[in-house]
Protein backbone atom coordinates (compact mmCIF):
# COMPACT_ATOMS: atom_id res chain seq x y z
CA MET A 1 111.65 96.31 91.19
CA ASP A 2 115.32 97.59 92.98
CA GLU A 3 116.33 98.24 89.57
CA ASN A 4 117.40 101.92 87.00
CA HIS A 5 115.87 102.44 84.19
CA GLU A 6 115.84 105.13 82.24
CA GLY A 7 111.58 106.77 82.46
CA ASP A 8 111.47 106.90 85.90
CA ASN A 9 109.81 109.21 87.84
CA PRO A 10 112.58 111.48 89.66
CA GLU A 11 113.79 110.34 92.28
CA LEU A 12 113.58 112.64 95.61
CA GLU A 13 116.52 113.67 98.34
CA GLU A 14 116.21 112.67 101.37
CA GLY A 15 115.58 116.44 103.08
CA GLU A 16 113.59 116.87 98.86
CA ASP A 17 110.26 118.00 100.06
CA ARG A 18 106.70 115.64 100.78
CA LYS A 19 104.72 118.09 101.14
CA GLY A 20 101.17 117.42 99.32
CA GLN A 21 102.18 113.28 99.95
CA ALA A 22 100.80 110.59 102.56
CA ASP A 23 102.30 111.50 106.27
CA ALA A 24 102.50 107.62 106.13
CA LEU A 25 102.49 104.66 104.45
CA ILE A 26 101.91 101.56 106.33
CA VAL A 27 103.56 98.32 104.22
CA PHE A 28 101.71 95.09 105.50
CA GLY A 29 103.94 91.78 106.38
CA PHE A 30 103.43 88.11 104.63
CA GLY A 31 105.83 85.90 105.90
CA ILE A 32 108.87 85.24 107.06
CA LYS A 33 110.22 82.58 104.08
CA ASP A 34 110.61 79.12 104.70
CA PRO A 35 114.47 77.77 106.67
CA TYR A 36 115.33 75.95 104.10
CA TRP A 37 116.02 78.89 102.37
CA MET A 38 118.95 80.24 105.38
CA GLU A 39 120.75 77.12 104.21
CA LYS A 40 120.54 77.03 100.12
CA ILE A 41 122.04 81.12 100.70
CA LYS A 42 124.62 79.83 103.67
CA ASP A 43 125.58 77.06 101.23
CA GLU A 44 126.16 79.50 98.00
CA SER A 45 128.46 81.72 100.06
CA GLN A 46 130.76 79.20 100.35
CA THR A 47 132.14 79.33 96.64
CA LYS A 48 132.17 83.29 97.06
CA ALA A 49 134.44 86.14 99.34
CA LEU A 50 134.04 85.09 103.05
CA PRO A 51 132.00 88.54 105.23
CA GLY A 52 133.63 91.53 105.76
CA GLU A 53 136.56 90.71 102.90
CA VAL A 54 136.40 93.43 99.86
CA ASP A 55 138.00 93.47 96.95
CA GLU A 56 139.10 96.72 95.83
CA ASN A 57 140.03 96.57 92.27
CA ALA A 58 136.45 94.43 91.46
CA GLN A 59 133.55 96.86 89.51
CA ILE A 60 130.17 97.16 92.67
CA ASP A 61 128.20 94.12 91.74
CA GLU A 62 124.67 94.70 92.19
CA ASN A 63 123.10 91.08 91.98
CA GLU A 64 125.79 89.71 94.73
CA TYR A 65 124.63 88.67 97.49
CA SER A 66 125.19 91.28 100.42
CA GLN A 67 126.55 90.68 104.77
CA ASN A 68 122.90 90.03 105.06
CA ASP A 69 122.02 87.72 102.38
CA LEU A 70 124.93 85.14 103.42
CA SER A 71 122.62 84.96 107.01
CA THR A 72 119.35 85.61 106.35
CA GLY A 73 118.00 85.62 102.34
CA TRP A 74 116.72 87.67 103.11
CA MET A 75 114.19 85.06 104.62
CA LEU A 76 111.21 87.40 102.92
CA SER A 77 107.80 85.22 101.45
CA LYS A 78 107.66 86.84 97.39
CA GLY A 79 104.86 88.61 98.50
CA ALA A 80 106.15 89.57 100.99
CA LYS A 81 109.15 90.60 98.67
CA MET A 82 106.32 92.40 96.10
CA ARG A 83 104.93 94.50 98.39
CA VAL A 84 108.30 96.20 100.74
CA GLN A 85 109.86 96.44 96.17
CA ALA A 86 106.33 98.50 96.26
CA ALA A 87 106.63 100.55 98.88
CA SER A 88 110.61 101.66 97.98
CA GLU A 89 109.09 102.45 94.14
CA LEU A 90 106.70 104.25 95.48
CA TYR A 91 108.19 105.89 98.39
CA LEU A 92 111.20 107.03 95.56
CA GLN A 93 108.54 108.74 93.93
CA GLY A 94 107.80 110.95 96.99
CA ALA A 95 104.28 109.32 97.48
CA ALA A 96 104.92 109.16 101.17
CA LYS A 97 106.76 110.55 104.32
CA GLU A 98 107.36 107.90 106.78
CA ILE A 99 107.21 103.83 105.70
CA ILE A 100 105.85 101.97 107.91
CA PHE A 101 106.62 98.21 107.98
CA THR A 102 104.19 95.51 109.93
CA GLY A 103 104.90 92.59 110.81
CA GLY A 104 106.00 90.48 113.88
CA ALA A 105 106.20 87.15 113.14
CA THR A 106 110.44 85.53 113.71
CA ARG A 107 111.37 81.86 113.51
CA LYS A 108 113.21 82.41 116.35
CA LYS A 109 113.74 78.24 116.66
CA ASP A 110 115.27 77.99 112.90
CA GLY A 111 118.19 80.72 114.13
CA LEU A 112 116.82 83.83 112.34
CA ASN A 113 115.95 86.42 115.76
CA GLN A 114 114.66 89.26 113.13
CA THR A 115 110.96 90.10 112.79
CA GLU A 116 109.58 90.77 109.85
CA ALA A 117 109.07 94.32 110.61
CA GLN A 118 113.20 93.95 110.66
CA LEU A 119 113.89 91.93 107.48
CA MET A 120 111.80 94.35 105.40
CA GLU A 121 113.14 98.06 106.39
CA ASP A 122 116.74 96.41 104.84
CA TYR A 123 115.82 94.85 101.66
CA PHE A 124 114.01 97.88 101.51
CA LEU A 125 117.30 100.16 101.92
CA HIS A 126 119.29 97.30 100.40
CA ILE A 127 116.75 97.99 97.43
CA LEU A 128 117.34 102.24 97.93
CA LYS A 129 120.92 102.02 98.09
CA LYS A 130 121.06 99.97 94.56
CA ARG A 131 118.65 102.38 92.93
CA LYS A 132 121.45 105.16 94.17
CA ILE A 133 124.15 104.01 93.49
CA GLU A 134 123.37 103.12 89.99
CA GLN A 135 121.43 106.28 90.00
CA LEU A 136 124.95 107.89 90.95
CA LYS A 137 126.93 105.67 88.60
CA ALA A 138 124.71 107.30 85.76
CA GLY A 139 125.92 104.51 83.44
CA ARG A 140 129.70 104.33 84.13
CA THR A 141 131.54 101.12 84.22
CA ASP A 142 135.20 103.12 83.89
CA LEU A 143 134.45 104.18 87.78
CA SER A 144 138.03 104.77 90.01
CA LEU A 145 138.44 103.81 92.95
CA THR A 146 137.73 107.23 95.00
CA GLU A 147 134.57 107.06 92.93
CA LYS A 148 133.24 104.43 94.04
CA ARG A 149 134.24 104.44 96.78
CA ASP A 150 132.49 108.28 97.13
CA ILE A 151 129.73 106.58 94.83
CA GLU A 152 129.34 104.86 98.52
CA ASN A 153 129.85 107.62 101.05
CA ALA A 154 126.75 109.22 98.81
CA ALA A 155 124.63 105.79 98.64
CA ASP A 156 124.70 105.38 102.82
CA ALA A 157 124.26 109.20 103.57
CA TYR A 158 121.44 108.92 101.35
CA ILE A 159 120.50 105.64 103.96
CA GLU A 160 120.97 106.78 106.88
CA GLY A 161 118.80 109.72 105.75
CA ALA A 162 116.52 107.40 104.95
CA THR A 163 116.70 104.93 107.58
CA GLY A 164 114.69 108.34 109.84
CA ASN A 165 111.84 108.01 108.18
CA ILE A 166 110.98 104.44 108.51
CA ILE A 167 109.05 103.21 111.52
CA LYS A 168 108.43 99.08 112.47
CA GLU A 169 105.26 98.51 113.60
CA ASP A 170 106.67 94.80 114.83
CA GLY A 171 104.38 93.59 118.21
CA ALA A 172 101.84 92.74 115.56
CA THR A 173 101.22 88.96 114.07
CA ASN A 174 98.57 89.14 112.23
CA THR A 175 96.19 91.93 110.42
CA ILE A 176 93.90 93.14 112.11
CA GLU A 177 96.19 93.69 115.19
CA ASN A 178 98.82 95.03 112.41
CA PHE A 179 95.70 98.29 112.36
CA SER A 180 94.99 97.81 116.55
CA ARG A 181 98.86 98.67 117.19
CA THR A 182 99.75 101.24 114.20
CA LEU A 183 96.61 103.12 115.46
CA ALA A 184 97.31 103.36 118.99
CA MET A 185 100.44 104.55 116.76
CA PHE A 186 98.94 107.15 114.89
CA ASP A 187 97.04 108.63 118.00
CA GLN A 188 99.14 109.41 120.46
CA ASN A 189 100.80 111.67 117.01
CA PRO A 190 97.39 113.58 115.83
CA ASP A 191 98.73 116.09 113.98
CA LYS A 192 101.27 114.34 112.13
CA TYR A 193 99.03 111.25 110.58
CA LYS A 194 96.36 112.80 109.16
CA SER A 195 96.37 111.28 105.06
CA VAL A 196 97.86 107.61 105.21
CA GLY A 197 98.40 104.45 102.33
CA PHE A 198 98.06 101.53 102.45
CA LEU A 199 100.12 98.63 100.65
CA SER A 200 99.64 94.60 100.43
CA ASN A 201 99.53 92.88 97.38
CA ARG A 202 96.39 92.80 94.95
CA PHE A 203 93.66 89.57 97.18
CA HIS A 204 95.25 91.12 99.87
CA ILE A 205 94.09 95.44 99.53
CA ASP A 206 89.79 94.51 99.92
CA ARG A 207 89.95 93.56 103.56
CA ILE A 208 93.06 96.22 104.07
CA VAL A 209 90.52 98.97 102.82
CA GLN A 210 87.45 97.21 104.91
CA LEU A 211 89.37 96.86 107.54
CA ALA A 212 90.66 100.29 107.69
CA GLY A 213 87.12 101.57 107.31
CA GLN A 214 86.21 99.23 110.67
CA PHE A 215 88.83 100.96 112.54
CA ASP A 216 88.30 104.80 111.52
CA LEU A 217 91.11 105.60 108.86
CA ASP A 218 90.79 106.78 105.69
CA GLY A 219 93.34 106.14 103.25
CA GLU A 220 93.99 105.12 99.56
CA GLY A 221 95.00 101.61 99.33
CA PHE A 222 97.84 100.21 96.94
CA SER A 223 97.77 96.14 95.64
CA ALA A 224 102.07 96.08 95.08
CA GLU A 225 100.60 94.70 91.91
CA ASP A 226 99.60 97.80 90.45
CA VAL A 227 102.15 100.10 91.70
CA ILE A 228 104.72 97.66 89.87
CA SER A 229 103.29 97.31 86.91
CA SER A 230 102.77 101.44 86.24
CA ALA A 231 106.46 102.10 87.57
CA ARG A 232 107.91 99.19 83.83
CA GLN A 233 109.45 101.51 81.79
CA GLY A 234 112.24 100.64 79.41
CA LYS A 235 113.67 96.90 78.42
CA ARG A 236 115.18 96.36 80.65
CA HIS A 237 113.10 97.13 83.82
CA GLU A 238 109.94 94.66 81.06
CA ALA A 239 112.27 91.98 81.79
CA MET A 240 112.58 92.18 85.61
CA PHE A 241 108.89 92.44 85.94
CA SER A 242 107.45 89.99 83.91
CA LYS A 243 110.24 87.80 85.46
CA VAL A 244 108.80 88.91 89.22
CA LEU A 245 104.92 88.76 87.98
CA ASP A 246 106.03 85.11 86.58
CA ASN A 247 107.50 83.85 89.39
CA TYR A 248 104.81 84.98 91.99
CA LEU A 249 101.28 85.05 90.00
CA ASN A 250 101.89 81.15 89.38
CA SER A 251 103.87 80.34 92.90
CA GLN A 252 101.61 77.93 95.17
CA GLU A 253 102.27 81.21 97.63
CA TYR A 254 99.82 83.32 95.28
CA ILE A 255 97.21 80.51 95.26
CA ASP A 256 96.83 79.75 98.79
CA PHE A 257 96.47 83.52 99.83
CA THR A 258 94.42 84.32 98.07
CA LEU A 259 91.77 81.31 98.99
CA ALA A 260 92.17 81.31 101.97
CA GLU A 261 90.64 85.64 102.09
CA ASN A 262 87.57 83.91 101.91
CA ARG A 263 87.79 82.19 104.96
CA TYR A 264 89.40 86.32 106.62
CA ARG A 265 87.31 88.34 104.83
CA ARG A 266 84.09 86.32 106.14
CA GLY A 267 85.49 86.13 110.07
CA LEU A 268 86.29 89.33 109.85
CA TYR A 269 81.99 89.68 109.57
CA GLU A 270 80.99 86.97 110.29
CA ILE A 271 82.60 86.72 113.40
CA PRO A 272 83.47 88.99 116.23
CA ASP A 273 85.91 87.49 117.82
CA ASN A 274 87.81 87.18 115.25
CA SER A 275 88.11 90.61 115.62
CA LEU A 276 87.15 91.93 119.01
CA PRO A 277 90.02 90.47 120.88
CA GLN A 278 92.72 93.71 118.54
CA THR A 279 90.23 96.19 119.48
CA ALA A 280 91.41 96.56 122.66
CA LEU A 281 95.45 97.77 121.50
CA VAL A 282 93.68 100.96 120.36
CA GLU A 283 92.75 103.84 122.95
CA GLY A 284 90.68 106.10 124.40
CA LYS A 285 87.50 107.92 121.57
CA ARG A 286 89.03 106.15 118.80
CA LEU A 287 87.95 102.69 120.41
CA LYS A 288 84.64 104.36 120.54
CA ARG A 289 84.10 104.84 116.85
CA ILE A 290 85.36 101.66 115.96
CA LEU A 291 82.68 99.98 118.23
CA LYS A 292 80.41 102.41 117.12
CA ARG A 293 80.91 101.35 113.70
CA MET A 294 81.05 97.88 114.13
CA ALA A 295 77.94 97.50 115.90
CA GLU A 296 75.92 99.71 113.06
CA SER A 297 77.24 97.42 110.12
CA GLU A 298 77.23 93.96 111.58
CA ALA A 299 73.99 92.58 113.76
CA GLU A 300 75.98 89.75 115.05
CA TYR A 301 78.80 92.38 115.90
CA GLU A 302 76.12 94.21 118.72
CA LYS A 303 74.56 91.05 120.21
CA ARG A 304 77.64 90.25 121.45
CA LEU A 305 78.79 93.37 122.42
CA ARG A 306 75.59 93.84 124.61
CA GLU A 307 76.40 89.79 125.72
CA LEU A 308 79.91 92.00 127.19
CA ASP A 309 78.14 94.37 128.89
CA ILE A 310 78.95 97.20 126.35
CA ASP A 311 75.53 99.04 125.35
CA PRO A 312 76.92 100.84 121.95
CA ASP A 313 73.91 103.89 122.09
CA ARG A 314 75.98 104.89 125.29
CA LEU A 315 79.83 104.63 124.12
CA ASP A 316 80.04 108.34 123.98
CA GLU A 317 78.19 108.53 127.84
CA TYR A 318 81.07 105.89 128.75
CA THR A 319 83.77 107.64 130.91
CA ASP A 320 88.03 106.82 130.68
CA GLU A 321 87.58 104.72 133.38
CA GLN A 322 84.42 102.67 132.35
CA MET A 323 86.58 102.58 128.70
CA ASP A 324 89.32 100.81 130.80
CA GLU A 325 87.15 98.22 131.97
CA ILE A 326 85.23 97.71 128.64
CA LYS A 327 89.34 97.11 126.86
CA GLN A 328 89.74 94.72 129.40
CA ARG A 329 86.80 92.89 128.63
CA LEU A 330 87.88 93.53 124.85
CA ALA A 331 91.73 91.97 125.48
CA ALA A 332 90.33 88.69 127.98
CA ILE A 333 88.31 86.86 124.95
CA LYS A 334 90.13 84.38 123.07
CA ARG A 335 90.04 85.10 119.55
CA ILE A 336 88.08 82.41 117.16
CA MET A 337 89.50 81.66 113.86
CA PRO A 338 86.85 81.44 111.08
CA GLU A 339 86.99 77.41 110.44
CA ALA A 340 89.30 76.67 106.65
CA GLU A 341 87.42 75.76 103.94
CA LYS A 342 87.28 72.85 101.55
CA LEU A 343 87.43 74.02 98.49
CA SER A 344 86.99 72.37 95.06
CA GLY A 345 89.13 73.76 91.92
CA ILE A 346 85.87 75.68 90.89
CA VAL A 347 85.24 77.77 94.21
CA ASP A 348 88.83 77.88 94.16
CA SER A 349 88.26 79.74 90.62
CA LEU A 350 85.14 81.84 91.34
CA GLU A 351 87.07 83.20 95.14
CA ARG A 352 89.69 84.04 93.43
CA ALA A 353 87.76 85.76 90.52
CA ARG A 354 85.79 87.44 93.44
CA HIS A 355 89.16 88.72 94.51
CA LEU A 356 90.67 90.52 91.86
CA GLN A 357 86.82 91.42 90.04
CA THR A 358 88.57 91.54 87.12
CA LEU A 359 87.44 90.18 83.80
CA ILE A 360 90.27 89.83 80.07
CA PHE A 361 87.68 89.50 77.07
CA SER A 362 90.40 88.02 75.06
CA ASP A 363 90.02 87.74 71.24
CA VAL A 364 91.85 84.33 69.82
CA ASP A 365 90.96 83.89 66.58
CA GLY A 366 93.14 82.16 64.18
CA THR A 367 95.62 82.99 66.74
CA LEU A 368 95.48 80.27 68.72
CA SER A 369 93.96 78.09 66.18
CA SER A 370 96.24 78.02 63.59
CA ALA A 371 98.94 75.49 63.17
CA GLN A 372 101.94 77.58 62.58
CA SER A 373 101.04 79.05 65.53
CA ASP A 374 103.17 79.64 69.08
CA GLN A 375 100.30 77.54 70.81
CA ALA A 376 102.44 77.07 74.19
CA LYS A 377 103.63 80.23 74.19
CA VAL A 378 100.61 81.93 73.49
CA GLY A 379 98.97 79.55 75.94
CA ARG A 380 101.35 80.60 78.57
CA TYR A 381 100.37 84.15 78.09
CA LEU A 382 96.25 83.11 79.20
CA GLN A 383 97.24 81.40 81.73
CA MET A 384 98.51 84.36 83.14
CA ALA A 385 96.20 86.66 82.31
CA GLU A 386 93.74 84.51 84.09
CA ARG A 387 95.67 84.38 86.79
CA CYS A 388 96.18 87.94 87.58
CA SER A 389 92.51 88.90 86.45
CA GLY A 390 90.46 85.93 87.76
CA GLU A 391 88.77 84.75 84.82
CA THR A 392 88.86 84.80 81.52
CA VAL A 393 86.15 85.07 78.47
CA LEU A 394 88.15 83.10 74.89
CA THR A 395 85.91 84.84 72.50
CA SER A 396 86.49 84.12 68.60
CA SER A 397 84.89 83.83 65.81
CA ARG A 398 85.88 80.49 66.15
CA SER A 399 84.28 77.04 67.06
CA ARG A 400 82.32 76.59 70.52
CA GLY A 401 83.67 73.01 70.55
CA ASN A 402 87.37 74.38 69.01
CA LEU A 403 87.64 77.24 72.59
CA GLU A 404 87.09 74.73 74.35
CA GLN A 405 89.85 72.83 73.53
CA LEU A 406 92.34 75.05 73.77
CA ARG A 407 89.85 75.83 77.15
CA LYS A 408 91.28 73.12 78.36
CA LYS A 409 94.97 72.20 76.61
CA PHE A 410 96.26 75.19 78.36
CA GLY A 411 94.00 74.28 81.40
CA MET A 412 92.03 76.97 82.22
CA SER A 413 89.68 77.73 83.80
CA GLU A 414 85.75 76.58 82.85
CA LEU A 415 84.10 79.21 85.05
CA ALA A 416 84.57 82.55 82.34
CA PRO A 417 82.04 82.19 79.33
CA ILE A 418 83.40 81.14 75.97
CA ILE A 419 81.69 83.60 73.29
CA PHE A 420 81.60 81.42 69.87
CA GLU A 421 80.92 82.90 66.06
CA ASN A 422 81.35 85.66 66.83
CA GLY A 423 78.90 86.46 69.19
CA GLY A 424 76.14 83.93 67.86
CA GLY A 425 76.28 82.05 70.42
CA VAL A 426 77.38 81.89 74.83
CA VAL A 427 78.19 78.83 77.26
CA LEU A 428 78.29 79.54 81.05
CA SER A 429 78.40 77.35 83.43
CA LYS A 430 76.12 76.45 85.77
CA GLU A 431 78.10 77.56 88.48
CA VAL A 432 78.14 80.71 88.01
CA VAL A 433 73.96 81.33 86.61
CA SER A 434 70.84 80.22 86.83
CA ARG A 435 68.69 79.41 84.38
CA GLN A 436 65.58 82.22 86.21
CA VAL A 437 69.02 84.56 86.00
CA LEU A 438 69.03 84.06 82.41
CA ARG A 439 65.40 84.40 81.64
CA GLU A 440 65.64 87.67 83.96
CA VAL A 441 68.47 89.23 81.81
CA VAL A 442 67.17 88.22 78.42
CA GLN A 443 63.98 90.34 79.81
CA ASP A 444 65.40 92.65 81.08
CA LEU A 445 67.32 93.73 77.64
CA GLY A 446 64.84 92.65 75.51
CA LEU A 447 67.31 90.66 73.70
CA GLN A 448 64.45 88.40 70.81
CA ASN A 449 65.35 85.31 69.70
CA ILE A 450 66.98 84.42 72.35
CA LYS A 451 67.52 80.46 72.12
CA ILE A 452 68.57 78.60 75.43
CA THR A 453 69.25 74.64 75.31
CA GLU A 454 70.15 73.10 79.58
CA GLU A 455 73.20 70.70 79.28
CA PRO A 456 74.77 68.76 82.37
CA GLN A 457 76.43 71.52 82.75
CA THR A 458 76.01 74.42 80.73
CA TYR A 459 73.77 76.86 79.30
CA LEU A 460 74.12 77.31 75.10
CA ILE A 461 72.98 80.30 74.66
CA GLU A 462 71.79 81.43 71.24
CA PHE A 463 71.70 84.91 69.39
CA SER A 464 71.78 83.84 66.26
CA PRO A 465 68.90 81.54 63.92
CA PRO A 466 69.19 78.11 63.32
CA LYS A 467 72.11 77.06 60.89
CA GLU A 468 70.17 75.02 58.36
CA GLU A 469 68.15 79.24 58.80
CA LEU A 470 71.10 80.66 58.30
CA LYS A 471 72.74 77.46 55.28
CA ASP A 472 69.04 78.33 52.96
CA ALA A 473 69.10 82.12 53.31
CA PHE A 474 72.12 82.23 52.13
CA ASN A 475 72.35 79.56 50.11
CA SER A 476 68.87 81.26 47.89
CA VAL A 477 71.38 84.80 48.04
CA LEU A 478 74.12 82.60 46.29
CA ASP A 479 71.84 80.91 43.98
CA GLU A 480 70.55 85.12 42.46
CA LEU A 481 74.29 85.25 41.49
CA GLY A 482 74.53 81.66 39.96
CA MET A 483 77.00 81.38 42.57
CA GLN A 484 77.94 77.80 45.53
CA ALA A 485 78.86 77.70 48.98
CA ARG A 486 81.14 74.93 50.76
CA TYR A 487 79.85 74.50 54.38
CA VAL A 488 82.06 74.03 57.06
CA MET A 489 79.31 72.50 58.78
CA ASP A 490 78.21 69.81 55.52
CA MET A 491 83.01 68.62 55.23
CA THR A 492 84.37 66.09 56.93
CA PRO A 493 86.90 66.40 59.87
CA GLU A 494 89.47 65.57 56.71
CA GLU A 495 88.42 67.66 54.53
CA ILE A 496 88.49 70.22 57.07
CA ALA A 497 91.75 69.42 57.76
CA GLY A 498 93.12 70.10 54.72
CA VAL A 499 91.88 73.35 54.10
CA TYR A 500 92.92 74.82 57.02
CA ASN A 501 96.16 72.91 57.55
CA TYR A 502 94.31 71.62 61.48
CA SER A 503 94.89 68.14 63.22
CA LEU A 504 92.14 65.71 62.63
CA GLN A 505 92.05 66.84 66.68
CA GLU A 506 91.00 70.37 65.47
CA ALA A 507 88.91 69.80 62.93
CA GLN A 508 86.19 67.50 64.82
CA ASP A 509 86.28 70.41 67.49
CA GLU A 510 85.52 73.06 64.36
CA LYS A 511 82.90 70.30 63.71
């Protein structure tokens, strides 16, 4: 996100009015990168000028590593980098007066003493400086040494001003603690923080918003992917965005964290001792509201609070001294984490779909079926769409067999429906829907002439008369017109391959 491009929203100068925007944007941590990258950056640095050496005749090369890069390689995971990139975009658009980076993780055993919040701030300022330099250069490549130094000084001044709008919450080690510690800071200055935004990755933002509600904090949630997507303009930026998205969505990191969300979300509501210990970090009236909300929304929380001799119905009556005692009880709870789940490939896809809450209907038709088309390229985009959305529904005039073969070829999920022959039939996985639910849907919608066939792994729903009936009806019309027709259903695979320029396998699928 650190490239300049035509069509950007105007970037606010430091000191310009940000009135009307969020008072603060909380950027949640994601993790520090594996120490392998530290060694990789160090090795690469041996072939470059040493940190601090400056070639005064050289152009400002924004692709070079900064001194911070050489020592840490930023050390941020792909997801954390995306969050910082999105935060810089929102800040430059004036969407927030202050940026709060959260994350207390370190890698001291690997020689890295900075917290994740500090690393995120460093990367954020690096992006802002690059954007400011590009803005000041205005596309010029013939800058004198004096002009370059003036631009560098102006960019440094801009960064110094931006630094005053950054807050680091670097004591937390998990998302719930992020909330507790940040809220404690807000409550010390309630008049300053009246509107808040939350920034994380798409798979994570739902839990963030739910936690916000549980912790008595209203605000708007932003996913890094959506912020970056909405900001892309121009071919250069489009290419950068595609690279970021491709690298991230196709990474094992993304898959692992997406699937882990089911575990953490379940723990949030089913296991009180997963989140209650962190509430001890919150002060006074807000703590009362939090505990009351928890007890009202989940029976398990009410039960656990009463076990701790905390009466949710009398929270408003408790004195400050009593609340201090309650905080001590809460802090003494040993945090319980939900057990890790062994997820099959099918459940993996279901969880991805549930968290991302989107279906893409892809009308593939001849684009994928044609032997002349670039199937590898189209298949890659389908895989990307599936990673982004959760599931992609293949919809086509082609046959069921053809679409199933394409889905298998591109390694796509088998959970999403297939709509074949222009809606003549639909195939649904038994992992997604039951026969009883299907019958209820058919009845509720008042659908007529629906045939449901149960197969070992799927249900076949046919919306049109059997092929033989359609063939007989069509033949009667052709007879009156003195015409004849050949039907694919009557052709051999060899004949189909010859007519449509298919491979023999594709022709067999078409049958």
